[in-house]
Amino acid sequence: MQGYLQRCGGDRTKAIQLYDWNVLVSQEFWGLIAYIEVAFRNSLANRLIDRSIQKGYQSHWVFDEKGELGRGLAPGSKNRGPYLKIVDAERQVKSNNKAAIPDQIVSEIAFGFWIQLVSQKQIKFWPDLAGAFPNAESRSQIQIQPMLAKLRDFRNRIGHHHRIWNLDLETQMAEILRIAKCIDLDLEHHLESINQLNSILLARPI
């Protein structure tokens, strides 16, 4: 709360109003990011399915039959991280009393896994995954990864209930729409039509 009090010159009432507003604008962004997460996940997952078929793999990519995501590596290996996220997702599916089929597992895989897939460490999946971003100005990994890493960082700030009132929120919104456009033009248009950021910014108390 100290940051809010400092911004409001020690006025506790105004600080609480700013805190409440930070919650409101965070909720707005969290809802929009949820659309991005699902679209991003599904787009990458579909490209991974295509890749597995093209390479003649016998099983769904989540089972990592070739060990590309870390299956089979020694416990503790830092390169085993992506596969462990799949294992965690499968465990979650089973704990929900659902069948551990690929679609269910994919739906439970953490956001960090998908970010890892477009990182330099997983460059072996490029350019196969470039098709997940059909409308990007550049579909090179070095262009795609940074904007998604920034989205992850912003998402995590919101998820950990940090203040975002001190950020350039209009730029953050533009970046979200940019990512949406890269993945799906209809998604971009939908988010443009439902976002309420402008009215929320006008209601900022201080």
Protein backbone atom coordinates (compact mmCIF):
# COMPACT_ATOMS: atom_id res chain seq x y z
CA MET A 1 0.00 0.00 0.00
CA GLN A 2 2.99 2.27 0.49
CA GLY A 3 3.33 2.97 -3.23
CA TYR A 4 -0.29 4.10 -3.37
CA LEU A 5 0.12 6.37 -0.35
CA GLN A 6 3.22 7.94 -1.86
CA ARG A 7 1.41 8.58 -5.13
CA CYS A 8 -1.49 10.16 -3.25
CA GLY A 9 0.62 12.34 -0.98
CA GLY A 10 -0.24 10.33 2.11
CA ASP A 11 -4.00 10.70 1.61
CA ARG A 12 -5.34 7.29 2.66
CA THR A 13 -8.79 7.80 1.12
CA LYS A 14 -7.31 8.62 -2.27
CA ALA A 15 -4.83 5.75 -1.94
CA ILE A 16 -7.69 3.30 -1.40
CA GLN A 17 -9.54 4.75 -4.38
CA LEU A 18 -6.44 4.27 -6.53
CA TYR A 19 -6.06 0.72 -5.22
CA ASP A 20 -9.68 -0.03 -6.11
CA TRP A 21 -9.10 1.42 -9.58
CA ASN A 22 -5.98 -0.72 -10.00
CA VAL A 23 -8.11 -3.78 -9.25
CA LEU A 24 -10.67 -2.67 -11.84
CA VAL A 25 -8.18 -2.05 -14.64
CA SER A 26 -6.36 -5.28 -13.77
CA GLN A 27 -9.62 -7.19 -14.17
CA GLU A 28 -10.09 -5.63 -17.60
CA PHE A 29 -6.66 -6.71 -18.78
CA TRP A 30 -6.92 -10.15 -17.18
CA GLY A 31 -10.06 -10.93 -19.14
CA LEU A 32 -8.52 -9.84 -22.45
CA ILE A 33 -5.32 -11.76 -21.78
CA ALA A 34 -7.41 -14.89 -21.19
CA TYR A 35 -8.55 -14.72 -24.83
CA ILE A 36 -4.92 -14.40 -25.95
CA GLU A 37 -3.81 -17.34 -23.81
CA VAL A 38 -6.39 -19.70 -25.26
CA ALA A 39 -5.81 -18.59 -28.85
CA PHE A 40 -2.03 -18.73 -28.45
CA ARG A 41 -2.18 -22.19 -26.88
CA ASN A 42 -4.54 -23.61 -29.47
CA SER A 43 -2.62 -22.13 -32.39
CA LEU A 44 0.70 -23.60 -31.19
CA ALA A 45 -0.90 -26.93 -30.30
CA ASN A 46 -2.35 -27.24 -33.79
CA ARG A 47 1.00 -26.49 -35.37
CA LEU A 48 2.61 -29.15 -33.18
CA ILE A 49 0.01 -31.66 -34.37
CA ASP A 50 0.79 -30.77 -37.99
CA ARG A 51 4.51 -31.09 -37.28
CA SER A 52 4.10 -34.55 -35.73
CA ILE A 53 2.10 -35.76 -38.72
CA GLN A 54 4.63 -34.36 -41.19
CA LYS A 55 7.47 -36.09 -39.37
CA GLY A 56 5.59 -39.37 -39.21
CA TYR A 57 5.40 -39.59 -35.42
CA GLN A 58 3.15 -42.35 -34.15
CA SER A 59 1.68 -40.57 -31.12
CA HIS A 60 0.33 -37.16 -30.17
CA TRP A 61 3.03 -34.58 -29.46
CA VAL A 62 2.16 -34.36 -25.74
CA PHE A 63 3.63 -37.83 -25.29
CA ASP A 64 6.98 -36.58 -26.65
CA GLU A 65 7.95 -39.88 -28.23
CA LYS A 66 11.20 -38.43 -29.62
CA GLY A 67 12.17 -36.71 -26.38
CA GLU A 68 12.21 -33.26 -27.96
CA LEU A 69 10.53 -31.69 -24.94
CA GLY A 70 12.68 -33.44 -22.37
CA ARG A 71 11.09 -36.83 -21.90
CA GLY A 72 13.73 -39.39 -20.99
CA LEU A 73 16.26 -36.89 -19.70
CA ALA A 74 17.76 -37.39 -16.26
CA PRO A 75 15.85 -35.93 -13.29
CA GLY A 76 17.11 -32.45 -12.54
CA SER A 77 18.08 -31.69 -16.13
CA LYS A 78 17.19 -28.08 -16.95
CA ASN A 79 16.16 -29.18 -20.45
CA ARG A 80 13.48 -31.42 -18.97
CA GLY A 81 11.32 -28.46 -17.96
CA PRO A 82 8.86 -28.43 -20.87
CA TYR A 83 8.02 -32.11 -20.51
CA LEU A 84 7.56 -31.73 -16.75
CA LYS A 85 4.89 -29.12 -17.43
CA ILE A 86 3.09 -31.70 -19.56
CA VAL A 87 3.40 -34.21 -16.72
CA ASP A 88 1.95 -31.65 -14.31
CA ALA A 89 -0.94 -31.02 -16.70
CA GLU A 90 -1.66 -34.74 -17.02
CA ARG A 91 -1.64 -35.05 -13.24
CA GLN A 92 -4.12 -32.19 -12.99
CA VAL A 93 -6.44 -33.79 -15.53
CA LYS A 94 -6.44 -37.04 -13.54
CA SER A 95 -7.06 -35.18 -10.28
CA ASN A 96 -10.13 -33.68 -11.96
CA ASN A 97 -11.35 -37.23 -12.63
CA LYS A 98 -11.09 -36.78 -16.38
CA ALA A 99 -9.52 -39.05 -18.98
CA ALA A 100 -5.90 -38.09 -19.68
CA ILE A 101 -6.42 -37.66 -23.41
CA PRO A 102 -4.38 -35.12 -25.40
CA ASP A 103 -7.06 -32.42 -25.63
CA GLN A 104 -7.59 -32.48 -21.87
CA ILE A 105 -3.85 -32.40 -21.19
CA VAL A 106 -3.29 -29.50 -23.59
CA SER A 107 -6.01 -27.48 -21.87
CA GLU A 108 -4.21 -27.82 -18.52
CA ILE A 109 -0.66 -27.01 -19.65
CA ALA A 110 0.64 -23.87 -17.97
CA PHE A 111 1.09 -20.65 -19.92
CA GLY A 112 4.83 -20.74 -19.28
CA PHE A 113 5.14 -23.89 -21.39
CA TRP A 114 3.82 -22.14 -24.49
CA ILE A 115 6.13 -19.18 -23.91
CA GLN A 116 9.04 -21.62 -23.69
CA LEU A 117 8.10 -23.11 -27.04
CA VAL A 118 8.80 -19.84 -28.83
CA SER A 119 12.04 -19.18 -26.95
CA GLN A 120 15.55 -19.54 -28.32
CA LYS A 121 15.99 -22.72 -26.26
CA GLN A 122 13.32 -24.41 -28.36
CA ILE A 123 14.48 -23.07 -31.72
CA LYS A 124 14.35 -26.63 -33.07
CA PHE A 125 10.58 -26.18 -33.39
CA TRP A 126 11.04 -23.20 -35.68
CA PRO A 127 9.94 -22.49 -38.39
CA ASP A 128 7.28 -25.18 -37.83
CA LEU A 129 5.58 -23.02 -35.22
CA ALA A 130 5.73 -19.85 -37.30
CA GLY A 131 2.37 -20.76 -38.81
CA ALA A 132 0.79 -20.07 -35.42
CA PHE A 133 1.20 -16.37 -36.20
CA PRO A 134 -0.14 -16.04 -39.75
CA ASN A 135 -0.66 -12.26 -39.62
CA ALA A 136 2.60 -11.24 -37.95
CA GLU A 137 4.70 -8.66 -39.77
CA SER A 138 7.64 -11.00 -39.23
CA ARG A 139 7.28 -14.61 -38.20
CA SER A 140 10.90 -15.01 -37.16
CA GLN A 141 11.46 -16.36 -33.66
CA ILE A 142 13.49 -13.32 -32.63
CA GLN A 143 10.50 -11.09 -33.41
CA ILE A 144 7.75 -13.28 -31.97
CA GLN A 145 9.34 -14.27 -28.66
CA PRO A 146 9.97 -10.81 -27.15
CA MET A 147 6.39 -9.60 -27.48
CA LEU A 148 5.05 -12.77 -25.89
CA ALA A 149 7.63 -12.58 -23.09
CA LYS A 150 6.46 -9.03 -22.35
CA LEU A 151 2.86 -10.23 -22.27
CA ARG A 152 3.87 -12.98 -19.81
CA ASP A 153 5.57 -10.44 -17.55
CA PHE A 154 2.56 -8.12 -17.63
CA ARG A 155 0.20 -11.05 -17.00
CA ASN A 156 2.28 -12.14 -14.03
CA ARG A 157 2.21 -8.65 -12.54
CA ILE A 158 -1.57 -8.78 -12.62
CA GLY A 159 -1.67 -12.36 -11.39
CA HIS A 160 0.47 -11.45 -8.38
CA HIS A 161 -1.71 -8.42 -7.62
CA HIS A 162 1.02 -5.88 -8.29
CA ARG A 163 0.20 -2.31 -9.20
CA ILE A 164 -0.12 -1.54 -12.89
CA TRP A 165 -1.45 2.02 -12.59
CA ASN A 166 2.12 3.25 -12.98
CA LEU A 167 2.55 1.58 -16.39
CA ASP A 168 1.68 2.89 -19.85
CA LEU A 169 -1.60 1.03 -20.07
CA GLU A 170 -2.54 2.29 -23.52
CA THR A 171 0.69 0.81 -24.86
CA GLN A 172 -0.06 -2.45 -23.03
CA MET A 173 -3.45 -2.59 -24.72
CA ALA A 174 -1.89 -1.91 -28.11
CA GLU A 175 0.51 -4.80 -27.55
CA ILE A 176 -2.32 -7.15 -26.63
CA LEU A 177 -4.20 -6.21 -29.80
CA ARG A 178 -1.00 -6.64 -31.81
CA ILE A 179 -0.54 -10.18 -30.51
CA ALA A 180 -4.20 -10.96 -31.15
CA LYS A 181 -3.78 -9.77 -34.74
CA CYS A 182 -0.72 -11.97 -35.24
CA ILE A 183 -2.75 -15.01 -34.25
CA ASP A 184 -6.21 -14.27 -35.64
CA LEU A 185 -7.71 -11.15 -37.21
CA ASP A 186 -11.17 -12.01 -35.88
CA LEU A 187 -9.72 -12.22 -32.37
CA GLU A 188 -8.18 -8.77 -32.75
CA HIS A 189 -11.50 -7.33 -33.89
CA HIS A 190 -13.38 -9.01 -31.05
CA LEU A 191 -11.02 -7.68 -28.40
CA GLU A 192 -11.25 -4.21 -29.92
CA SER A 193 -15.03 -4.40 -29.67
CA ILE A 194 -15.23 -5.55 -26.04
CA ASN A 195 -12.37 -3.76 -24.32
CA GLN A 196 -13.39 -0.99 -21.94
CA LEU A 197 -9.96 0.46 -21.25
CA ASN A 198 -10.70 3.99 -22.45
CA SER A 199 -13.65 4.43 -20.12
CA ILE A 200 -11.71 2.91 -17.24
CA LEU A 201 -8.80 5.27 -17.84
CA LEU A 202 -11.17 8.23 -17.78
CA ALA A 203 -12.46 7.05 -14.39
CA ARG A 204 -9.00 6.95 -12.82
CA PRO A 205 -9.25 8.79 -9.47
CA ILE A 206 -5.78 10.31 -9.47
